[in-house]
Amino acid sequence: MPRGSSSKRERQYEHIKESAEERGASERRAKEMAARTVNKERARSGEARSASRTSTQDMSSSRRGGKRSHTGAEGPTRDQLYAEAKRRNVEGRSQMNKSQLKKALGK
């Protein structure tokens, strides 16, 4: 986290990083996603020294995340299902397609 960042932003960073790792992202990718999200939120709220136009005028990362949630018509992605199957130690998961993963997870 940047020097002078608030404890709220540090908690936000850790939460985003842990959530990404739980969904199956590598530690490196999880750190990158968390840093980008927190930096964008800092820019939107005026906490950052400089901010790009897309950071301040684009939709907020929390709203974008809500649009990507798996409540849509197709449900969770295959990668999300695979990550859950991995957490539950489902055998043969690497050979399964999306519908087979859904069935194995009882969805």
N, C-alpha and C. Protein backbone atom coordinates (compact mmCIF):
# COMPACT_ATOMS: atom_id res chain seq x y z
N MET A 1 0.84 -1.19 0.00
CA MET A 1 0.00 0.00 0.00
C MET A 1 0.89 1.25 0.00
N PRO A 2 0.42 2.32 -0.64
CA PRO A 2 1.21 3.55 -0.66
C PRO A 2 1.33 4.15 0.74
N ARG A 3 2.41 4.90 0.93
CA ARG A 3 2.59 5.57 2.21
C ARG A 3 1.43 6.51 2.46
N GLY A 4 0.97 6.56 3.69
CA GLY A 4 -0.12 7.47 4.03
C GLY A 4 -1.50 6.95 3.68
N SER A 5 -1.60 5.70 3.26
CA SER A 5 -2.92 5.17 2.94
C SER A 5 -3.68 4.90 4.24
N SER A 6 -4.96 4.98 4.17
CA SER A 6 -5.78 4.82 5.37
C SER A 6 -5.94 3.35 5.72
N SER A 7 -6.31 3.11 6.95
CA SER A 7 -6.54 1.72 7.38
C SER A 7 -7.72 1.12 6.62
N LYS A 8 -8.67 1.96 6.23
CA LYS A 8 -9.81 1.47 5.45
C LYS A 8 -9.33 0.90 4.12
N ARG A 9 -8.44 1.62 3.44
CA ARG A 9 -7.94 1.17 2.15
C ARG A 9 -7.07 -0.08 2.31
N GLU A 10 -6.34 -0.18 3.42
CA GLU A 10 -5.54 -1.38 3.66
C GLU A 10 -6.44 -2.59 3.88
N ARG A 11 -7.54 -2.40 4.63
CA ARG A 11 -8.50 -3.50 4.83
C ARG A 11 -9.14 -3.88 3.51
N GLN A 12 -9.48 -2.87 2.71
CA GLN A 12 -10.10 -3.11 1.40
C GLN A 12 -9.15 -3.92 0.52
N TYR A 13 -7.88 -3.54 0.50
CA TYR A 13 -6.85 -4.24 -0.29
C TYR A 13 -6.77 -5.71 0.14
N GLU A 14 -6.67 -5.96 1.43
CA GLU A 14 -6.56 -7.33 1.93
C GLU A 14 -7.80 -8.15 1.57
N HIS A 15 -8.97 -7.54 1.72
CA HIS A 15 -10.22 -8.24 1.42
C HIS A 15 -10.28 -8.63 -0.06
N ILE A 16 -9.95 -7.70 -0.94
CA ILE A 16 -9.99 -7.97 -2.38
C ILE A 16 -8.97 -9.03 -2.73
N LYS A 17 -7.77 -8.93 -2.18
CA LYS A 17 -6.71 -9.90 -2.45
C LYS A 17 -7.12 -11.30 -2.01
N GLU A 18 -7.65 -11.42 -0.80
CA GLU A 18 -8.07 -12.73 -0.29
C GLU A 18 -9.22 -13.31 -1.11
N SER A 19 -10.17 -12.46 -1.50
CA SER A 19 -11.30 -12.93 -2.31
C SER A 19 -10.83 -13.46 -3.66
N ALA A 20 -9.89 -12.76 -4.27
CA ALA A 20 -9.37 -13.19 -5.57
C ALA A 20 -8.64 -14.52 -5.44
N GLU A 21 -7.87 -14.67 -4.38
CA GLU A 21 -7.14 -15.93 -4.16
C GLU A 21 -8.12 -17.08 -3.92
N GLU A 22 -9.21 -16.82 -3.19
CA GLU A 22 -10.22 -17.85 -2.95
C GLU A 22 -10.89 -18.28 -4.25
N ARG A 23 -11.02 -17.34 -5.19
CA ARG A 23 -11.63 -17.66 -6.49
C ARG A 23 -10.66 -18.35 -7.43
N GLY A 24 -9.41 -18.55 -6.99
CA GLY A 24 -8.46 -19.29 -7.80
C GLY A 24 -7.40 -18.46 -8.49
N ALA A 25 -7.34 -17.16 -8.25
CA ALA A 25 -6.32 -16.32 -8.87
C ALA A 25 -4.98 -16.56 -8.18
N SER A 26 -3.90 -16.42 -8.92
CA SER A 26 -2.58 -16.56 -8.32
C SER A 26 -2.35 -15.40 -7.35
N GLU A 27 -1.38 -15.56 -6.45
CA GLU A 27 -1.12 -14.50 -5.48
C GLU A 27 -0.71 -13.22 -6.19
N ARG A 28 0.10 -13.35 -7.23
CA ARG A 28 0.55 -12.18 -7.98
C ARG A 28 -0.63 -11.45 -8.63
N ARG A 29 -1.51 -12.21 -9.27
CA ARG A 29 -2.68 -11.62 -9.92
C ARG A 29 -3.62 -11.00 -8.89
N ALA A 30 -3.79 -11.67 -7.75
CA ALA A 30 -4.67 -11.15 -6.70
C ALA A 30 -4.15 -9.82 -6.17
N LYS A 31 -2.82 -9.72 -5.98
CA LYS A 31 -2.24 -8.47 -5.50
C LYS A 31 -2.45 -7.36 -6.52
N GLU A 32 -2.28 -7.69 -7.80
CA GLU A 32 -2.45 -6.69 -8.86
C GLU A 32 -3.89 -6.18 -8.90
N MET A 33 -4.84 -7.10 -8.85
CA MET A 33 -6.25 -6.71 -8.89
C MET A 33 -6.61 -5.84 -7.69
N ALA A 34 -6.13 -6.22 -6.51
CA ALA A 34 -6.43 -5.46 -5.30
C ALA A 34 -5.82 -4.06 -5.38
N ALA A 35 -4.58 -3.98 -5.82
CA ALA A 35 -3.92 -2.67 -5.91
C ALA A 35 -4.63 -1.77 -6.90
N ARG A 36 -4.98 -2.30 -8.06
CA ARG A 36 -5.66 -1.49 -9.07
C ARG A 36 -7.01 -0.99 -8.57
N THR A 37 -7.75 -1.87 -7.90
CA THR A 37 -9.06 -1.50 -7.40
C THR A 37 -8.95 -0.41 -6.33
N VAL A 38 -8.04 -0.62 -5.37
CA VAL A 38 -7.89 0.36 -4.30
C VAL A 38 -7.39 1.69 -4.85
N ASN A 39 -6.44 1.65 -5.78
CA ASN A 39 -5.94 2.89 -6.37
C ASN A 39 -7.05 3.65 -7.09
N LYS A 40 -7.92 2.91 -7.78
CA LYS A 40 -9.02 3.57 -8.47
C LYS A 40 -9.98 4.22 -7.47
N GLU A 41 -10.28 3.52 -6.40
CA GLU A 41 -11.17 4.08 -5.39
C GLU A 41 -10.54 5.30 -4.72
N ARG A 42 -9.23 5.26 -4.48
CA ARG A 42 -8.53 6.41 -3.90
C ARG A 42 -8.63 7.61 -4.85
N ALA A 43 -8.46 7.36 -6.15
CA ALA A 43 -8.55 8.44 -7.14
C ALA A 43 -9.96 9.00 -7.20
N ARG A 44 -10.95 8.15 -7.16
CA ARG A 44 -12.34 8.60 -7.24
C ARG A 44 -12.73 9.46 -6.05
N SER A 45 -12.16 9.14 -4.88
CA SER A 45 -12.54 9.89 -3.68
C SER A 45 -11.63 11.07 -3.39
N GLY A 46 -10.64 11.32 -4.28
CA GLY A 46 -9.77 12.46 -4.11
C GLY A 46 -8.60 12.23 -3.16
N GLU A 47 -8.34 10.97 -2.80
CA GLU A 47 -7.24 10.67 -1.88
C GLU A 47 -5.89 10.59 -2.60
N ALA A 48 -5.90 10.39 -3.91
CA ALA A 48 -4.66 10.24 -4.66
C ALA A 48 -4.18 11.60 -5.16
N ARG A 49 -2.87 11.74 -5.33
CA ARG A 49 -2.30 13.01 -5.82
C ARG A 49 -2.74 13.28 -7.25
N SER A 50 -2.72 12.24 -8.07
CA SER A 50 -3.13 12.40 -9.47
C SER A 50 -4.08 11.27 -9.83
N ALA A 51 -4.89 11.51 -10.83
CA ALA A 51 -5.87 10.50 -11.24
C ALA A 51 -6.14 10.63 -12.73
N SER A 52 -6.25 9.50 -13.39
CA SER A 52 -6.57 9.53 -14.81
C SER A 52 -8.06 9.84 -14.99
N ARG A 53 -8.40 10.25 -16.18
CA ARG A 53 -9.80 10.58 -16.46
C ARG A 53 -10.68 9.34 -16.32
N THR A 54 -10.16 8.18 -16.76
CA THR A 54 -10.98 6.97 -16.67
C THR A 54 -11.20 6.56 -15.22
N SER A 55 -10.24 6.84 -14.34
CA SER A 55 -10.42 6.50 -12.93
C SER A 55 -11.54 7.31 -12.30
N THR A 56 -11.65 8.55 -12.69
CA THR A 56 -12.65 9.42 -12.06
C THR A 56 -13.99 9.44 -12.77
N GLN A 57 -14.02 9.17 -14.08
CA GLN A 57 -15.28 9.27 -14.81
C GLN A 57 -15.92 7.93 -15.13
N ASP A 58 -15.16 6.86 -15.05
CA ASP A 58 -15.68 5.52 -15.31
C ASP A 58 -16.56 5.09 -14.14
N MET A 59 -17.32 4.02 -14.31
CA MET A 59 -18.14 3.54 -13.20
C MET A 59 -17.23 2.99 -12.10
N SER A 60 -17.71 3.02 -10.87
CA SER A 60 -16.89 2.58 -9.75
C SER A 60 -16.62 1.08 -9.84
N SER A 61 -15.53 0.65 -9.25
CA SER A 61 -15.16 -0.76 -9.31
C SER A 61 -16.18 -1.62 -8.57
N SER A 62 -16.78 -1.09 -7.52
CA SER A 62 -17.78 -1.88 -6.80
C SER A 62 -19.03 -2.10 -7.66
N ARG A 63 -19.40 -1.09 -8.44
CA ARG A 63 -20.55 -1.24 -9.33
C ARG A 63 -20.24 -2.22 -10.46
N ARG A 64 -19.02 -2.11 -11.01
CA ARG A 64 -18.61 -3.01 -12.07
C ARG A 64 -18.61 -4.46 -11.57
N GLY A 65 -18.10 -4.66 -10.36
CA GLY A 65 -18.08 -5.99 -9.78
C GLY A 65 -19.47 -6.55 -9.62
N GLY A 66 -20.41 -5.69 -9.23
CA GLY A 66 -21.80 -6.12 -9.09
C GLY A 66 -22.40 -6.56 -10.41
N LYS A 67 -22.00 -5.90 -11.48
CA LYS A 67 -22.50 -6.28 -12.80
C LYS A 67 -21.93 -7.62 -13.26
N ARG A 68 -20.76 -7.99 -12.71
CA ARG A 68 -20.13 -9.24 -13.10
C ARG A 68 -20.48 -10.40 -12.17
N SER A 69 -21.32 -10.16 -11.19
CA SER A 69 -21.63 -11.23 -10.24
C SER A 69 -22.32 -12.38 -10.97
N HIS A 70 -22.34 -13.54 -10.36
CA HIS A 70 -22.89 -14.69 -11.06
C HIS A 70 -24.39 -14.85 -10.83
N THR A 71 -25.10 -13.76 -10.86
CA THR A 71 -26.56 -13.84 -10.80
C THR A 71 -27.15 -13.70 -12.20
N GLY A 72 -26.28 -13.58 -13.21
CA GLY A 72 -26.73 -13.41 -14.59
C GLY A 72 -27.36 -14.66 -15.14
N ALA A 73 -27.75 -14.59 -16.39
CA ALA A 73 -28.46 -15.69 -17.04
C ALA A 73 -27.63 -16.97 -17.13
N GLU A 74 -26.33 -16.82 -17.33
CA GLU A 74 -25.50 -18.01 -17.50
C GLU A 74 -24.89 -18.49 -16.20
N GLY A 75 -25.06 -17.78 -15.12
CA GLY A 75 -24.52 -18.19 -13.84
C GLY A 75 -23.03 -18.01 -13.77
N PRO A 76 -22.37 -18.71 -12.84
CA PRO A 76 -20.92 -18.56 -12.67
C PRO A 76 -20.15 -19.07 -13.88
N THR A 77 -18.96 -18.56 -14.07
CA THR A 77 -18.12 -19.00 -15.18
C THR A 77 -17.54 -20.38 -14.88
N ARG A 78 -16.99 -21.01 -15.90
CA ARG A 78 -16.37 -22.31 -15.71
C ARG A 78 -15.20 -22.20 -14.73
N ASP A 79 -14.44 -21.12 -14.83
CA ASP A 79 -13.30 -20.93 -13.93
C ASP A 79 -13.75 -20.77 -12.48
N GLN A 80 -14.86 -20.08 -12.27
CA GLN A 80 -15.39 -19.94 -10.91
C GLN A 80 -15.86 -21.29 -10.38
N LEU A 81 -16.53 -22.05 -11.23
CA LEU A 81 -16.97 -23.39 -10.82
C LEU A 81 -15.77 -24.29 -10.54
N TYR A 82 -14.75 -24.19 -11.38
CA TYR A 82 -13.55 -25.01 -11.19
C TYR A 82 -12.87 -24.67 -9.86
N ALA A 83 -12.78 -23.37 -9.55
CA ALA A 83 -12.16 -22.95 -8.29
C ALA A 83 -12.92 -23.51 -7.09
N GLU A 84 -14.25 -23.51 -7.17
CA GLU A 84 -15.05 -24.07 -6.09
C GLU A 84 -14.87 -25.58 -6.00
N ALA A 85 -14.80 -26.24 -7.16
CA ALA A 85 -14.58 -27.69 -7.17
C ALA A 85 -13.21 -28.03 -6.59
N LYS A 86 -12.24 -27.19 -6.86
CA LYS A 86 -10.90 -27.40 -6.31
C LYS A 86 -10.93 -27.26 -4.79
N ARG A 87 -11.65 -26.26 -4.29
CA ARG A 87 -11.79 -26.08 -2.84
C ARG A 87 -12.44 -27.28 -2.19
N ARG A 88 -13.43 -27.87 -2.90
CA ARG A 88 -14.16 -29.02 -2.36
C ARG A 88 -13.50 -30.36 -2.69
N ASN A 89 -12.36 -30.32 -3.37
CA ASN A 89 -11.62 -31.53 -3.76
C ASN A 89 -12.45 -32.50 -4.59
N VAL A 90 -13.16 -31.98 -5.59
CA VAL A 90 -13.94 -32.82 -6.50
C VAL A 90 -12.98 -33.55 -7.43
N GLU A 91 -13.08 -34.87 -7.47
CA GLU A 91 -12.18 -35.65 -8.32
C GLU A 91 -12.58 -35.53 -9.79
N GLY A 92 -11.57 -35.47 -10.67
CA GLY A 92 -11.80 -35.40 -12.10
C GLY A 92 -12.20 -34.03 -12.59
N ARG A 93 -12.06 -33.02 -11.76
CA ARG A 93 -12.54 -31.67 -12.12
C ARG A 93 -11.82 -31.07 -13.32
N SER A 94 -10.55 -31.43 -13.51
CA SER A 94 -9.79 -30.82 -14.61
C SER A 94 -10.30 -31.26 -15.98
N GLN A 95 -10.97 -32.39 -16.04
CA GLN A 95 -11.49 -32.89 -17.31
C GLN A 95 -12.95 -32.48 -17.55
N MET A 96 -13.57 -31.82 -16.57
CA MET A 96 -15.00 -31.48 -16.68
C MET A 96 -15.22 -30.16 -17.40
N ASN A 97 -16.35 -30.12 -18.13
CA ASN A 97 -16.77 -28.85 -18.72
C ASN A 97 -17.70 -28.13 -17.73
N LYS A 98 -18.22 -26.99 -18.14
CA LYS A 98 -19.02 -26.17 -17.24
C LYS A 98 -20.25 -26.91 -16.71
N SER A 99 -20.98 -27.57 -17.57
CA SER A 99 -22.20 -28.25 -17.11
C SER A 99 -21.87 -29.42 -16.19
N GLN A 100 -20.77 -30.12 -16.47
CA GLN A 100 -20.38 -31.22 -15.59
C GLN A 100 -19.94 -30.71 -14.22
N LEU A 101 -19.25 -29.57 -14.20
CA LEU A 101 -18.85 -28.99 -12.93
C LEU A 101 -20.07 -28.57 -12.13
N LYS A 102 -21.06 -27.96 -12.80
CA LYS A 102 -22.31 -27.57 -12.12
C LYS A 102 -22.96 -28.79 -11.48
N LYS A 103 -23.03 -29.87 -12.24
CA LYS A 103 -23.68 -31.09 -11.75
C LYS A 103 -22.90 -31.66 -10.56
N ALA A 104 -21.58 -31.69 -10.65
CA ALA A 104 -20.76 -32.23 -9.57
C ALA A 104 -20.87 -31.39 -8.30
N LEU A 105 -21.09 -30.09 -8.46
CA LEU A 105 -21.21 -29.20 -7.31
C LEU A 105 -22.64 -29.08 -6.81
N GLY A 106 -23.58 -29.70 -7.52
CA GLY A 106 -24.97 -29.66 -7.11
C GLY A 106 -25.65 -28.34 -7.39
N LYS A 107 -25.29 -27.71 -8.50
CA LYS A 107 -25.88 -26.40 -8.84
C LYS A 107 -26.80 -26.51 -10.02
